[in-house]
Amino acid sequence: MLAVLIAIILMFILALFFTALGTAIASLLIDFHAFQIIINFLIMPLFFLSGALFPVSGLPPILGYVAILNPLTYGVDALRHVLVGVSHFGLSLDILVMITLAFLMLMLGSWLFNRIEA
């Protein structure tokens, strides 16, 4: 039961990060159709390099460095640790990175959204 609660909290932090990222990107765009294209080109590589489909430890070195910069990698790693018990980075580092990035992206998204003129 505790693992499910922690997994829900981790998914909420991930959702908060990506919602703030979408808000930040949408605040910079004029055309709504461009948002869909940019998000698709951003989300798909993030997903494929996150370790959700295959382990990060098996990536070539260059893609391994890209995966370390990927915020979704830490979310997937944290969920894998909570639900399966296997982790690449460690749960404390995963949570620290996720909370820090979610906070920073929330501040950036809020600031960019407030700059929009009606």
N, C-alpha and C. Protein backbone atom coordinates (compact mmCIF):
# COMPACT_ATOMS: atom_id res chain seq x y z
N MET A 1 0.83 -1.19 0.00
CA MET A 1 0.00 0.00 0.00
C MET A 1 0.87 1.26 0.00
N LEU A 2 1.96 1.24 0.79
CA LEU A 2 2.86 2.38 0.85
C LEU A 2 3.56 2.60 -0.49
N ALA A 3 3.92 1.51 -1.17
CA ALA A 3 4.58 1.62 -2.48
C ALA A 3 3.65 2.28 -3.50
N VAL A 4 2.39 1.96 -3.44
CA VAL A 4 1.43 2.56 -4.37
C VAL A 4 1.29 4.05 -4.09
N LEU A 5 1.24 4.43 -2.82
CA LEU A 5 1.14 5.85 -2.46
C LEU A 5 2.37 6.62 -2.92
N ILE A 6 3.55 6.06 -2.72
CA ILE A 6 4.78 6.71 -3.17
C ILE A 6 4.80 6.82 -4.69
N ALA A 7 4.35 5.76 -5.38
CA ALA A 7 4.30 5.79 -6.85
C ALA A 7 3.35 6.88 -7.34
N ILE A 8 2.23 7.07 -6.68
CA ILE A 8 1.28 8.12 -7.05
C ILE A 8 1.91 9.49 -6.86
N ILE A 9 2.62 9.68 -5.77
CA ILE A 9 3.29 10.97 -5.51
C ILE A 9 4.37 11.23 -6.57
N LEU A 10 5.14 10.19 -6.93
CA LEU A 10 6.17 10.34 -7.96
C LEU A 10 5.55 10.70 -9.30
N MET A 11 4.44 10.06 -9.65
CA MET A 11 3.77 10.37 -10.91
C MET A 11 3.21 11.78 -10.90
N PHE A 12 2.75 12.24 -9.73
CA PHE A 12 2.26 13.62 -9.62
C PHE A 12 3.38 14.61 -9.86
N ILE A 13 4.56 14.35 -9.30
CA ILE A 13 5.71 15.24 -9.50
C ILE A 13 6.11 15.27 -10.98
N LEU A 14 6.11 14.10 -11.63
CA LEU A 14 6.40 14.05 -13.06
C LEU A 14 5.37 14.82 -13.88
N ALA A 15 4.10 14.64 -13.54
CA ALA A 15 3.04 15.36 -14.25
C ALA A 15 3.16 16.86 -14.04
N LEU A 16 3.53 17.27 -12.84
CA LEU A 16 3.72 18.69 -12.56
C LEU A 16 4.86 19.26 -13.40
N PHE A 17 5.95 18.52 -13.51
CA PHE A 17 7.08 18.97 -14.32
C PHE A 17 6.67 19.13 -15.79
N PHE A 18 6.04 18.11 -16.36
CA PHE A 18 5.72 18.18 -17.77
C PHE A 18 4.58 19.16 -18.07
N THR A 19 3.69 19.38 -17.13
CA THR A 19 2.68 20.41 -17.30
C THR A 19 3.32 21.79 -17.31
N ALA A 20 4.25 22.01 -16.39
CA ALA A 20 4.96 23.29 -16.35
C ALA A 20 5.82 23.48 -17.61
N LEU A 21 6.42 22.40 -18.11
CA LEU A 21 7.20 22.48 -19.34
C LEU A 21 6.30 22.86 -20.52
N GLY A 22 5.13 22.24 -20.60
CA GLY A 22 4.18 22.58 -21.65
C GLY A 22 3.70 24.01 -21.55
N THR A 23 3.47 24.49 -20.33
CA THR A 23 3.06 25.87 -20.13
C THR A 23 4.15 26.84 -20.56
N ALA A 24 5.39 26.51 -20.23
CA ALA A 24 6.51 27.38 -20.60
C ALA A 24 6.66 27.44 -22.11
N ILE A 25 6.57 26.30 -22.77
CA ILE A 25 6.71 26.29 -24.23
C ILE A 25 5.54 26.99 -24.89
N ALA A 26 4.33 26.72 -24.44
CA ALA A 26 3.14 27.34 -25.03
C ALA A 26 3.13 28.85 -24.82
N SER A 27 3.72 29.31 -23.74
CA SER A 27 3.76 30.75 -23.47
C SER A 27 4.67 31.48 -24.45
N LEU A 28 5.60 30.78 -25.04
CA LEU A 28 6.53 31.40 -25.99
C LEU A 28 6.02 31.38 -27.43
N LEU A 29 4.99 30.60 -27.70
CA LEU A 29 4.53 30.41 -29.07
C LEU A 29 3.33 31.29 -29.39
N ILE A 30 3.21 31.62 -30.66
CA ILE A 30 2.07 32.40 -31.12
C ILE A 30 1.02 31.48 -31.74
N ASP A 31 1.47 30.48 -32.50
CA ASP A 31 0.57 29.57 -33.21
C ASP A 31 0.33 28.31 -32.37
N PHE A 32 -0.93 27.93 -32.20
CA PHE A 32 -1.25 26.75 -31.41
C PHE A 32 -0.82 25.46 -32.10
N HIS A 33 -0.79 25.45 -33.42
CA HIS A 33 -0.39 24.25 -34.14
C HIS A 33 1.09 23.95 -33.96
N ALA A 34 1.89 24.95 -33.78
CA ALA A 34 3.32 24.75 -33.56
C ALA A 34 3.58 24.05 -32.23
N PHE A 35 2.72 24.28 -31.26
CA PHE A 35 2.89 23.65 -29.95
C PHE A 35 2.85 22.13 -30.06
N GLN A 36 1.90 21.61 -30.82
CA GLN A 36 1.77 20.16 -30.98
C GLN A 36 3.00 19.56 -31.63
N ILE A 37 3.53 20.24 -32.62
CA ILE A 37 4.72 19.73 -33.31
C ILE A 37 5.93 19.74 -32.39
N ILE A 38 6.12 20.83 -31.68
CA ILE A 38 7.27 20.94 -30.78
C ILE A 38 7.19 19.92 -29.66
N ILE A 39 6.03 19.77 -29.08
CA ILE A 39 5.86 18.81 -27.98
C ILE A 39 6.13 17.38 -28.46
N ASN A 40 5.63 17.02 -29.63
CA ASN A 40 5.89 15.68 -30.15
C ASN A 40 7.38 15.43 -30.38
N PHE A 41 8.08 16.42 -30.92
CA PHE A 41 9.51 16.27 -31.15
C PHE A 41 10.31 16.30 -29.85
N LEU A 42 9.73 16.80 -28.80
CA LEU A 42 10.41 16.83 -27.51
C LEU A 42 10.10 15.60 -26.67
N ILE A 43 8.85 15.21 -26.61
CA ILE A 43 8.42 14.13 -25.73
C ILE A 43 8.89 12.76 -26.22
N MET A 44 8.84 12.51 -27.51
CA MET A 44 9.22 11.18 -28.00
C MET A 44 10.67 10.83 -27.68
N PRO A 45 11.66 11.69 -27.96
CA PRO A 45 13.03 11.33 -27.55
C PRO A 45 13.19 11.21 -26.04
N LEU A 46 12.51 12.07 -25.30
CA LEU A 46 12.59 11.95 -23.84
C LEU A 46 12.08 10.60 -23.38
N PHE A 47 10.98 10.14 -23.97
CA PHE A 47 10.41 8.85 -23.59
C PHE A 47 11.34 7.70 -23.97
N PHE A 48 11.85 7.72 -25.19
CA PHE A 48 12.68 6.59 -25.64
C PHE A 48 14.02 6.52 -24.92
N LEU A 49 14.53 7.66 -24.44
CA LEU A 49 15.80 7.65 -23.72
C LEU A 49 15.64 7.66 -22.20
N SER A 50 14.42 7.42 -21.72
CA SER A 50 14.18 7.49 -20.28
C SER A 50 14.45 6.18 -19.55
N GLY A 51 14.54 5.11 -20.26
CA GLY A 51 14.70 3.82 -19.61
C GLY A 51 13.37 3.12 -19.39
N ALA A 52 12.30 3.66 -19.91
CA ALA A 52 10.99 3.04 -19.76
C ALA A 52 10.87 1.78 -20.61
N LEU A 53 11.52 1.77 -21.75
CA LEU A 53 11.42 0.62 -22.64
C LEU A 53 12.61 -0.33 -22.52
N PHE A 54 13.77 0.20 -22.17
CA PHE A 54 14.97 -0.61 -22.01
C PHE A 54 15.84 0.04 -20.95
N PRO A 55 16.70 -0.74 -20.28
CA PRO A 55 17.49 -0.16 -19.17
C PRO A 55 18.51 0.86 -19.65
N VAL A 56 18.72 1.88 -18.84
CA VAL A 56 19.68 2.94 -19.15
C VAL A 56 21.10 2.39 -19.12
N SER A 57 21.35 1.38 -18.32
CA SER A 57 22.70 0.84 -18.19
C SER A 57 23.18 0.17 -19.48
N GLY A 58 22.27 -0.19 -20.37
CA GLY A 58 22.66 -0.85 -21.61
C GLY A 58 22.85 0.10 -22.78
N LEU A 59 22.71 1.39 -22.54
CA LEU A 59 22.85 2.37 -23.62
C LEU A 59 24.32 2.58 -23.98
N PRO A 60 24.60 2.96 -25.23
CA PRO A 60 25.96 3.38 -25.58
C PRO A 60 26.36 4.61 -24.75
N PRO A 61 27.63 4.85 -24.56
CA PRO A 61 28.07 5.94 -23.67
C PRO A 61 27.50 7.31 -24.02
N ILE A 62 27.43 7.65 -25.29
CA ILE A 62 26.93 8.98 -25.67
C ILE A 62 25.45 9.11 -25.30
N LEU A 63 24.66 8.09 -25.59
CA LEU A 63 23.25 8.13 -25.24
C LEU A 63 23.05 8.02 -23.72
N GLY A 64 23.99 7.40 -23.04
CA GLY A 64 23.93 7.35 -21.58
C GLY A 64 24.05 8.73 -20.96
N TYR A 65 24.91 9.56 -21.53
CA TYR A 65 25.03 10.94 -21.04
C TYR A 65 23.78 11.75 -21.33
N VAL A 66 23.17 11.51 -22.48
CA VAL A 66 21.92 12.18 -22.82
C VAL A 66 20.81 11.73 -21.85
N ALA A 67 20.80 10.45 -21.52
CA ALA A 67 19.80 9.93 -20.59
C ALA A 67 19.96 10.53 -19.20
N ILE A 68 21.19 10.83 -18.80
CA ILE A 68 21.41 11.45 -17.49
C ILE A 68 20.82 12.86 -17.46
N LEU A 69 20.80 13.54 -18.59
CA LEU A 69 20.22 14.88 -18.66
C LEU A 69 18.69 14.86 -18.82
N ASN A 70 18.14 13.70 -19.06
CA ASN A 70 16.71 13.54 -19.29
C ASN A 70 15.95 13.49 -17.96
N PRO A 71 15.04 14.42 -17.69
CA PRO A 71 14.31 14.40 -16.42
C PRO A 71 13.40 13.18 -16.27
N LEU A 72 12.88 12.67 -17.37
CA LEU A 72 12.00 11.50 -17.29
C LEU A 72 12.75 10.26 -16.86
N THR A 73 14.05 10.21 -17.10
CA THR A 73 14.87 9.08 -16.67
C THR A 73 14.79 8.89 -15.16
N TYR A 74 14.83 9.99 -14.43
CA TYR A 74 14.80 9.91 -12.97
C TYR A 74 13.42 9.49 -12.47
N GLY A 75 12.38 9.92 -13.16
CA GLY A 75 11.03 9.50 -12.79
C GLY A 75 10.80 8.03 -13.02
N VAL A 76 11.25 7.54 -14.16
CA VAL A 76 11.12 6.11 -14.47
C VAL A 76 11.96 5.28 -13.51
N ASP A 77 13.16 5.76 -13.20
CA ASP A 77 14.03 5.04 -12.28
C ASP A 77 13.44 4.98 -10.88
N ALA A 78 12.84 6.09 -10.44
CA ALA A 78 12.22 6.11 -9.11
C ALA A 78 11.01 5.18 -9.05
N LEU A 79 10.18 5.21 -10.09
CA LEU A 79 9.03 4.31 -10.11
C LEU A 79 9.47 2.85 -10.18
N ARG A 80 10.52 2.57 -10.93
CA ARG A 80 11.04 1.20 -11.00
C ARG A 80 11.56 0.75 -9.63
N HIS A 81 12.21 1.67 -8.90
CA HIS A 81 12.72 1.32 -7.58
C HIS A 81 11.57 1.03 -6.61
N VAL A 82 10.54 1.85 -6.65
CA VAL A 82 9.42 1.69 -5.71
C VAL A 82 8.61 0.44 -6.04
N LEU A 83 8.37 0.18 -7.32
CA LEU A 83 7.48 -0.92 -7.69
C LEU A 83 8.19 -2.26 -7.85
N VAL A 84 9.45 -2.24 -8.31
CA VAL A 84 10.15 -3.50 -8.58
C VAL A 84 11.32 -3.72 -7.63
N GLY A 85 11.93 -2.62 -7.17
CA GLY A 85 13.06 -2.74 -6.26
C GLY A 85 14.40 -2.63 -6.96
N VAL A 86 14.41 -2.28 -8.24
CA VAL A 86 15.64 -2.14 -9.01
C VAL A 86 15.81 -0.68 -9.38
N SER A 87 17.01 -0.13 -9.12
CA SER A 87 17.24 1.27 -9.40
C SER A 87 18.64 1.46 -9.98
N HIS A 88 18.76 2.42 -10.88
CA HIS A 88 20.05 2.72 -11.49
C HIS A 88 20.76 3.85 -10.75
N PHE A 89 20.04 4.88 -10.38
CA PHE A 89 20.62 6.06 -9.73
C PHE A 89 20.43 6.09 -8.22
N GLY A 90 19.43 5.42 -7.71
CA GLY A 90 19.11 5.48 -6.29
C GLY A 90 17.87 6.35 -6.08
N LEU A 91 17.02 5.95 -5.18
CA LEU A 91 15.74 6.63 -4.98
C LEU A 91 15.92 8.05 -4.48
N SER A 92 16.87 8.28 -3.58
CA SER A 92 17.03 9.64 -3.03
C SER A 92 17.49 10.62 -4.11
N LEU A 93 18.41 10.22 -4.98
CA LEU A 93 18.84 11.10 -6.07
C LEU A 93 17.70 11.33 -7.05
N ASP A 94 16.94 10.28 -7.34
CA ASP A 94 15.81 10.42 -8.25
C ASP A 94 14.80 11.44 -7.73
N ILE A 95 14.44 11.33 -6.48
CA ILE A 95 13.46 12.24 -5.89
C ILE A 95 14.01 13.66 -5.81
N LEU A 96 15.26 13.79 -5.45
CA LEU A 96 15.87 15.13 -5.37
C LEU A 96 15.88 15.81 -6.74
N VAL A 97 16.28 15.10 -7.77
CA VAL A 97 16.31 15.68 -9.12
C VAL A 97 14.90 16.00 -9.59
N MET A 98 13.95 15.10 -9.35
CA MET A 98 12.58 15.34 -9.80
C MET A 98 11.96 16.55 -9.13
N ILE A 99 12.11 16.67 -7.83
CA ILE A 99 11.52 17.80 -7.11
C ILE A 99 12.19 19.11 -7.51
N THR A 100 13.50 19.09 -7.65
CA THR A 100 14.23 20.30 -8.04
C THR A 100 13.81 20.77 -9.43
N LEU A 101 13.80 19.85 -10.39
CA LEU A 101 13.43 20.22 -11.75
C LEU A 101 11.97 20.63 -11.85
N ALA A 102 11.10 19.96 -11.11
CA ALA A 102 9.68 20.35 -11.14
C ALA A 102 9.50 21.75 -10.57
N PHE A 103 10.20 22.06 -9.50
CA PHE A 103 10.11 23.40 -8.91
C PHE A 103 10.64 24.46 -9.86
N LEU A 104 11.81 24.21 -10.45
CA LEU A 104 12.39 25.18 -11.37
C LEU A 104 11.52 25.38 -12.61
N MET A 105 10.99 24.29 -13.16
CA MET A 105 10.15 24.41 -14.34
C MET A 105 8.81 25.07 -14.00
N LEU A 106 8.30 24.84 -12.82
CA LEU A 106 7.07 25.50 -12.39
C LEU A 106 7.29 27.00 -12.25
N MET A 107 8.43 27.40 -11.72
CA MET A 107 8.73 28.83 -11.62
C MET A 107 8.91 29.46 -13.00
N LEU A 108 9.63 28.77 -13.89
CA LEU A 108 9.83 29.28 -15.24
C LEU A 108 8.51 29.35 -16.01
N GLY A 109 7.71 28.30 -15.93
CA GLY A 109 6.42 28.29 -16.62
C GLY A 109 5.48 29.37 -16.10
N SER A 110 5.47 29.58 -14.80
CA SER A 110 4.63 30.64 -14.21
C SER A 110 5.10 32.01 -14.66
N TRP A 111 6.42 32.22 -14.67
CA TRP A 111 6.95 33.52 -15.06
C TRP A 111 6.65 33.81 -16.54
N LEU A 112 6.84 32.80 -17.39
CA LEU A 112 6.56 33.01 -18.81
C LEU A 112 5.07 33.20 -19.07
N PHE A 113 4.24 32.50 -18.33
CA PHE A 113 2.79 32.62 -18.51
C PHE A 113 2.32 34.01 -18.07
N ASN A 114 2.91 34.54 -17.02
CA ASN A 114 2.53 35.89 -16.55
C ASN A 114 2.95 36.97 -17.52
N ARG A 115 3.93 36.72 -18.37
CA ARG A 115 4.40 37.71 -19.33
C ARG A 115 3.49 37.83 -20.55
N ILE A 116 2.56 36.88 -20.73
CA ILE A 116 1.66 36.91 -21.89
C ILE A 116 0.72 38.10 -21.78
N GLU A 117 0.63 38.84 -22.86
CA GLU A 117 -0.31 39.97 -22.89
C GLU A 117 -1.62 39.50 -23.47
N ALA A 118 -2.71 39.89 -22.86
CA ALA A 118 -4.03 39.45 -23.31
C ALA A 118 -4.49 40.21 -24.53
